[in-house]
Amino acid sequence: MINKIDKVKIFDLQIISSKGSKINVFENLNELFIIKRTFTVEMSNFELNERGRHAHKIDHQIVTCPFGSIEFEVNDGENKKTIIINNPSKAVYVPNQIWTETNYLKKNSVVTCYCSENYNEDSYIRDYNEFLAYRQNLKLIN
């Protein structure tokens, strides 16, 4: 089954206020997938404010921006959607087979990704034209 952009979901994390602070809670995410890998990216060199620019053949991800602000674009080869993530309680679920691009809007912004799979370079598609060809092949198979 080939994923389309309508499978990308924006959701709010549970927020608990406690002793003058806010706690953003990740619970019950197993409905989407079991998290096998987590990583963060801090964009300290703001002149190089672009990341992502790839898709995954296998991996599903949840993307958050716990500090700062990003412009997060998702693309299924036919449709695109741009999402601004500038609140630590926002999260975006991205299924596999979706191209993503991240533009950091503020210096020192941090992105945290929660992944369904361990790192596997063979799962990445890093060239947009290869991504389009991959999607076309999936359509022929399905």
C-alpha atoms as a PDB file:
ATOM      1  CA  MET A   1       0.000   0.000   0.000  1.00  0.00           C
ATOM      2  CA  ILE A   2       1.346   3.398  -0.960  1.00  0.00           C
ATOM      3  CA  ASN A   3       1.001   6.202   1.589  1.00  0.00           C
ATOM      4  CA  LYS A   4      -0.486   9.547   0.606  1.00  0.00           C
ATOM      5  CA  ILE A   5      -0.208  12.926   2.260  1.00  0.00           C
ATOM      6  CA  ASP A   6      -3.565  12.450   4.007  1.00  0.00           C
ATOM      7  CA  LYS A   7      -1.839   9.884   6.258  1.00  0.00           C
ATOM      8  CA  VAL A   8       0.352  12.654   7.730  1.00  0.00           C
ATOM      9  CA  LYS A   9      -1.215  13.625  11.057  1.00  0.00           C
ATOM     10  CA  ILE A  10      -0.678  16.688  13.230  1.00  0.00           C
ATOM     11  CA  PHE A  11      -1.520  16.121  16.866  1.00  0.00           C
ATOM     12  CA  ASP A  12      -1.139  17.708  20.274  1.00  0.00           C
ATOM     13  CA  LEU A  13       0.777  16.034  23.038  1.00  0.00           C
ATOM     14  CA  GLN A  14      -0.816  15.816  26.445  1.00  0.00           C
ATOM     15  CA  ILE A  15       0.277  18.773  28.592  1.00  0.00           C
ATOM     16  CA  ILE A  16       0.452  18.570  32.363  1.00  0.00           C
ATOM     17  CA  SER A  17       1.010  21.775  34.335  1.00  0.00           C
ATOM     18  CA  SER A  18       3.034  21.128  37.460  1.00  0.00           C
ATOM     19  CA  LYS A  19       4.805  23.494  39.850  1.00  0.00           C
ATOM     20  CA  GLY A  20       5.028  26.365  37.375  1.00  0.00           C
ATOM     21  CA  SER A  21       6.155  24.243  34.454  1.00  0.00           C
ATOM     22  CA  LYS A  22       4.595  22.358  31.559  1.00  0.00           C
ATOM     23  CA  ILE A  23       5.242  18.696  30.899  1.00  0.00           C
ATOM     24  CA  ASN A  24       4.640  17.442  27.347  1.00  0.00           C
ATOM     25  CA  VAL A  25       3.699  13.769  27.605  1.00  0.00           C
ATOM     26  CA  PHE A  26       4.264  11.106  24.948  1.00  0.00           C
ATOM     27  CA  GLU A  27       1.838   8.319  25.811  1.00  0.00           C
ATOM     28  CA  ASN A  28      -0.183   5.801  23.840  1.00  0.00           C
ATOM     29  CA  LEU A  29       1.860   6.337  20.691  1.00  0.00           C
ATOM     30  CA  ASN A  30       1.922   2.588  20.104  1.00  0.00           C
ATOM     31  CA  GLU A  31      -1.231   3.144  18.067  1.00  0.00           C
ATOM     32  CA  LEU A  32       1.101   4.609  15.425  1.00  0.00           C
ATOM     33  CA  PHE A  33       4.176   2.420  15.962  1.00  0.00           C
ATOM     34  CA  ILE A  34       6.614   1.189  18.598  1.00  0.00           C
ATOM     35  CA  ILE A  35       9.499   3.634  18.945  1.00  0.00           C
ATOM     36  CA  LYS A  36      12.845   1.954  18.236  1.00  0.00           C
ATOM     37  CA  ARG A  37      15.059   5.008  17.762  1.00  0.00           C
ATOM     38  CA  THR A  38      15.054   8.624  18.894  1.00  0.00           C
ATOM     39  CA  PHE A  39      17.384  11.412  17.796  1.00  0.00           C
ATOM     40  CA  THR A  40      17.628  15.174  18.046  1.00  0.00           C
ATOM     41  CA  VAL A  41      19.062  17.734  15.653  1.00  0.00           C
ATOM     42  CA  GLU A  42      20.103  21.178  16.874  1.00  0.00           C
ATOM     43  CA  MET A  43      20.676  23.703  14.125  1.00  0.00           C
ATOM     44  CA  SER A  44      23.476  25.773  15.637  1.00  0.00           C
ATOM     45  CA  ASN A  45      24.852  26.942  12.254  1.00  0.00           C
ATOM     46  CA  PHE A  46      21.866  28.953  11.084  1.00  0.00           C
ATOM     47  CA  GLU A  47      23.392  29.645   7.664  1.00  0.00           C
ATOM     48  CA  LEU A  48      22.816  25.928   6.952  1.00  0.00           C
ATOM     49  CA  ASN A  49      19.185  25.969   8.005  1.00  0.00           C
ATOM     50  CA  GLU A  50      17.928  23.112   5.812  1.00  0.00           C
ATOM     51  CA  ARG A  51      17.699  19.463   6.811  1.00  0.00           C
ATOM     52  CA  GLY A  52      15.742  16.425   5.765  1.00  0.00           C
ATOM     53  CA  ARG A  53      15.260  16.378   2.014  1.00  0.00           C
ATOM     54  CA  HIS A  54      14.647  12.650   2.008  1.00  0.00           C
ATOM     55  CA  ALA A  55      12.018   9.934   2.344  1.00  0.00           C
ATOM     56  CA  HIS A  56      12.036   6.539   4.010  1.00  0.00           C
ATOM     57  CA  LYS A  57      11.053   3.285   2.377  1.00  0.00           C
ATOM     58  CA  ILE A  58      10.324   1.588   5.719  1.00  0.00           C
ATOM     59  CA  ASP A  59      10.608   4.018   8.641  1.00  0.00           C
ATOM     60  CA  HIS A  60       7.643   5.893  10.117  1.00  0.00           C
ATOM     61  CA  GLN A  61       8.459   8.967  12.229  1.00  0.00           C
ATOM     62  CA  ILE A  62       6.984  11.424  14.672  1.00  0.00           C
ATOM     63  CA  VAL A  63       8.637  14.841  14.393  1.00  0.00           C
ATOM     64  CA  THR A  64       8.609  17.476  17.146  1.00  0.00           C
ATOM     65  CA  CYS A  65      10.302  20.806  17.751  1.00  0.00           C
ATOM     66  CA  PRO A  66      10.753  21.095  21.539  1.00  0.00           C
ATOM     67  CA  PHE A  67      12.662  24.382  21.179  1.00  0.00           C
ATOM     68  CA  GLY A  68      12.479  27.015  18.463  1.00  0.00           C
ATOM     69  CA  SER A  69      10.563  26.916  15.226  1.00  0.00           C
ATOM     70  CA  ILE A  70      10.671  24.947  11.989  1.00  0.00           C
ATOM     71  CA  GLU A  71       8.861  24.844   8.683  1.00  0.00           C
ATOM     72  CA  PHE A  72       8.225  21.182   7.931  1.00  0.00           C
ATOM     73  CA  GLU A  73       7.126  20.209   4.432  1.00  0.00           C
ATOM     74  CA  VAL A  74       5.661  16.819   3.574  1.00  0.00           C
ATOM     75  CA  ASN A  75       5.194  15.667  -0.010  1.00  0.00           C
ATOM     76  CA  ASP A  76       3.787  12.492  -1.569  1.00  0.00           C
ATOM     77  CA  GLY A  77       4.950  13.319  -5.089  1.00  0.00           C
ATOM     78  CA  GLU A  78       1.563  14.763  -6.037  1.00  0.00           C
ATOM     79  CA  ASN A  79       0.584  16.925  -3.074  1.00  0.00           C
ATOM     80  CA  LYS A  80       2.564  19.031  -0.610  1.00  0.00           C
ATOM     81  CA  LYS A  81       1.729  20.395   2.806  1.00  0.00           C
ATOM     82  CA  THR A  82       3.739  22.858   4.884  1.00  0.00           C
ATOM     83  CA  ILE A  83       3.452  22.702   8.651  1.00  0.00           C
ATOM     84  CA  ILE A  84       4.927  25.214  11.075  1.00  0.00           C
ATOM     85  CA  ILE A  85       6.008  23.530  14.295  1.00  0.00           C
ATOM     86  CA  ASN A  86       6.798  26.185  16.910  1.00  0.00           C
ATOM     87  CA  ASN A  87       5.296  24.682  20.029  1.00  0.00           C
ATOM     88  CA  PRO A  88       6.775  21.785  22.053  1.00  0.00           C
ATOM     89  CA  SER A  89       3.307  20.250  22.436  1.00  0.00           C
ATOM     90  CA  LYS A  90       2.869  19.782  18.643  1.00  0.00           C
ATOM     91  CA  ALA A  91       3.887  16.592  16.883  1.00  0.00           C
ATOM     92  CA  VAL A  92       3.629  15.391  13.287  1.00  0.00           C
ATOM     93  CA  TYR A  93       3.283  11.746  12.327  1.00  0.00           C
ATOM     94  CA  VAL A  94       4.937  10.969   8.984  1.00  0.00           C
ATOM     95  CA  PRO A  95       4.382   7.510   7.479  1.00  0.00           C
ATOM     96  CA  ASN A  96       6.949   5.920   5.222  1.00  0.00           C
ATOM     97  CA  GLN A  97       7.118   6.859   1.519  1.00  0.00           C
ATOM     98  CA  ILE A  98       6.632  10.590   2.230  1.00  0.00           C
ATOM     99  CA  TRP A  99       9.302  13.134   1.236  1.00  0.00           C
ATOM    100  CA  THR A 100      10.151  15.632   4.012  1.00  0.00           C
ATOM    101  CA  GLU A 101      12.058  18.899   4.102  1.00  0.00           C
ATOM    102  CA  THR A 102      12.857  20.887   7.236  1.00  0.00           C
ATOM    103  CA  ASN A 103      13.718  24.577   7.296  1.00  0.00           C
ATOM    104  CA  TYR A 104      14.850  25.975  10.621  1.00  0.00           C
ATOM    105  CA  LEU A 105      13.226  29.333  11.275  1.00  0.00           C
ATOM    106  CA  LYS A 106      15.127  30.249  14.459  1.00  0.00           C
ATOM    107  CA  LYS A 107      18.743  29.764  15.463  1.00  0.00           C
ATOM    108  CA  ASN A 108      19.341  26.883  17.889  1.00  0.00           C
ATOM    109  CA  SER A 109      16.008  25.276  17.099  1.00  0.00           C
ATOM    110  CA  VAL A 110      15.856  21.609  18.076  1.00  0.00           C
ATOM    111  CA  VAL A 111      14.032  18.827  16.259  1.00  0.00           C
ATOM    112  CA  THR A 112      13.383  15.483  17.909  1.00  0.00           C
ATOM    113  CA  CYS A 113      12.411  12.485  15.770  1.00  0.00           C
ATOM    114  CA  TYR A 114      10.889   9.279  17.083  1.00  0.00           C
ATOM    115  CA  CYS A 115      11.363   6.423  14.618  1.00  0.00           C
ATOM    116  CA  SER A 116       9.714   3.067  14.036  1.00  0.00           C
ATOM    117  CA  GLU A 117      12.983   1.487  12.897  1.00  0.00           C
ATOM    118  CA  ASN A 118      16.641   1.502  13.793  1.00  0.00           C
ATOM    119  CA  TYR A 119      18.918   3.450  11.460  1.00  0.00           C
ATOM    120  CA  ASN A 120      19.219   1.807   8.037  1.00  0.00           C
ATOM    121  CA  GLU A 121      20.797   3.839   5.234  1.00  0.00           C
ATOM    122  CA  ASP A 122      19.218   1.526   2.640  1.00  0.00           C
ATOM    123  CA  SER A 123      15.776   2.745   3.728  1.00  0.00           C
ATOM    124  CA  TYR A 124      16.572   6.359   2.790  1.00  0.00           C
ATOM    125  CA  ILE A 125      15.758   7.945  -0.550  1.00  0.00           C
ATOM    126  CA  ARG A 126      17.905  11.091  -0.722  1.00  0.00           C
ATOM    127  CA  ASP A 127      17.258  12.227  -4.297  1.00  0.00           C
ATOM    128  CA  TYR A 128      13.870  13.709  -5.150  1.00  0.00           C
ATOM    129  CA  ASN A 129      13.762  12.253  -8.677  1.00  0.00           C
ATOM    130  CA  GLU A 130      14.565   8.800  -7.268  1.00  0.00           C
ATOM    131  CA  PHE A 131      11.728   9.338  -4.773  1.00  0.00           C
ATOM    132  CA  LEU A 132       9.303  10.071  -7.620  1.00  0.00           C
ATOM    133  CA  ALA A 133      10.458   6.962  -9.501  1.00  0.00           C
ATOM    134  CA  TYR A 134      10.134   4.854  -6.329  1.00  0.00           C
ATOM    135  CA  ARG A 135       6.550   6.082  -5.834  1.00  0.00           C
ATOM    136  CA  GLN A 136       5.739   5.358  -9.481  1.00  0.00           C
ATOM    137  CA  ASN A 137       7.053   1.804  -9.098  1.00  0.00           C
ATOM    138  CA  LEU A 138       4.904   1.325  -5.974  1.00  0.00           C
ATOM    139  CA  LYS A 139       1.836   2.427  -7.922  1.00  0.00           C
ATOM    140  CA  LEU A 140       2.571  -0.154 -10.628  1.00  0.00           C
ATOM    141  CA  ILE A 141       2.955  -2.906  -8.044  1.00  0.00           C
ATOM    142  CA  ASN A 142      -0.224  -1.985  -6.188  1.00  0.00           C
END
